[in-house]
Protein backbone atom coordinates (compact mmCIF):
# COMPACT_ATOMS: atom_id res chain seq x y z
CA UNK A 1 -31.97 -21.76 17.53
CA UNK A 2 -33.88 -18.83 19.04
CA UNK A 3 -31.51 -18.80 22.02
CA UNK A 4 -28.49 -18.50 19.71
CA UNK A 5 -30.15 -15.69 17.74
CA UNK A 6 -31.00 -13.85 20.96
CA UNK A 7 -27.45 -14.26 22.28
CA UNK A 8 -26.06 -12.92 18.99
CA UNK A 9 -28.44 -9.94 19.09
CA UNK A 10 -27.36 -9.10 22.65
CA UNK A 11 -23.69 -9.39 21.67
CA UNK A 12 -24.20 -7.20 18.59
CA UNK A 13 -25.96 -4.56 20.67
CA UNK A 14 -23.26 -4.67 23.36
CA UNK A 15 -20.32 -4.10 21.01
CA UNK A 16 -22.18 -1.40 19.13
CA UNK A 17 -23.08 0.37 22.39
CA UNK A 18 -19.50 0.09 23.72
CA UNK A 19 -18.07 1.50 20.51
CA UNK A 20 -20.50 4.41 20.36
CA UNK A 21 -20.01 5.33 24.01
CA UNK A 22 -16.26 5.75 23.44
CA UNK A 23 -16.59 8.04 20.42
CA UNK A 24 -15.99 11.76 20.65
CA UNK A 25 -18.94 14.02 19.74
CA UNK A 26 -17.18 14.94 16.50
CA UNK A 27 -16.70 11.28 15.59
CA UNK A 28 -20.37 10.50 16.37
CA UNK A 29 -21.50 13.37 14.16
CA UNK A 30 -19.18 12.30 11.35
CA UNK A 31 -20.29 8.67 11.63
CA UNK A 32 -23.98 9.59 11.52
CA UNK A 33 -23.42 11.83 8.50
CA UNK A 34 -21.43 9.18 6.69
CA UNK A 35 -23.96 6.40 7.39
CA UNK A 36 -26.76 8.67 6.23
CA UNK A 37 -24.99 9.71 3.06
CA UNK A 38 -23.35 6.48 2.01
CA UNK A 39 -25.76 3.80 3.19
CA UNK A 40 -29.16 5.49 3.29
CA UNK A 41 -28.34 7.65 0.29
CA UNK A 42 -26.97 4.67 -1.59
CA UNK A 43 -30.15 2.69 -1.07
CA UNK A 44 -32.32 5.71 -1.91
CA UNK A 45 -30.54 6.43 -5.20
CA UNK A 46 -30.29 2.69 -5.95
CA UNK A 47 -26.49 2.56 -6.13
CA UNK A 48 -26.81 -0.06 -3.35
CA UNK A 49 -29.40 -2.75 -3.94
CA UNK A 50 -31.80 -3.25 -1.07
CA UNK A 51 -31.49 -7.02 -1.42
CA UNK A 52 -27.68 -6.98 -1.37
CA UNK A 53 -27.27 -4.32 1.30
CA UNK A 54 -30.06 -5.43 3.65
CA UNK A 55 -27.78 -6.28 6.59
CA UNK A 56 -25.69 -3.14 6.13
CA UNK A 57 -28.85 -1.04 5.97
CA UNK A 58 -30.24 -2.73 9.10
CA UNK A 59 -26.98 -2.07 11.00
CA UNK A 60 -26.89 1.55 9.84
CA UNK A 61 -30.47 2.09 10.98
CA UNK A 62 -29.75 0.46 14.37
CA UNK A 63 -26.76 2.75 14.88
CA UNK A 64 -28.60 5.87 13.77
CA UNK A 65 -31.53 5.02 16.07
CA UNK A 66 -29.27 4.35 19.05
CA UNK A 67 -29.38 6.78 21.94
CA UNK A 68 -25.61 6.31 22.21
CA UNK A 69 -24.87 8.13 18.95
CA UNK A 70 -26.62 11.29 20.11
CA UNK A 71 -24.24 14.17 20.56
CA UNK A 72 -24.37 15.69 24.04
CA UNK A 73 -23.01 18.97 25.36
CA UNK A 74 -20.40 19.22 28.14
CA UNK A 75 -23.12 18.81 30.79
CA UNK A 76 -24.40 15.61 29.19
CA UNK A 77 -27.53 17.27 27.82
CA UNK A 78 -28.69 16.60 24.29
CA UNK A 79 -29.03 20.01 22.64
CA UNK A 80 -32.43 20.66 21.09
CA UNK A 81 -32.98 22.39 17.79
CA UNK A 82 -33.61 26.07 18.26
CA UNK A 83 -37.24 27.00 17.90
CA UNK A 84 -38.26 30.41 16.54
CA UNK A 85 -39.62 31.40 19.97
CA UNK A 86 -36.41 30.32 21.72
CA UNK A 87 -34.11 32.17 19.32
CA UNK A 88 -35.87 35.53 19.68
């Protein structure tokens, strides 16, 4: 049983990674915003029940935590938020 669960987890991670790697930066940004607003926001304001949306919430959190959804610049660098010292 554990072997089947591990195989499923690897498969789930592989398709998610493949999908995210093929997205444009704009699509990644839009997806992250939509997951945050609709899934996380829905659970936070209780329009989605935690019990009923547990798997959806887990998938959304996995995607949002993935390094593959990070938006990169043309050189492949992840832009950092501007700090007050850097912007002066």
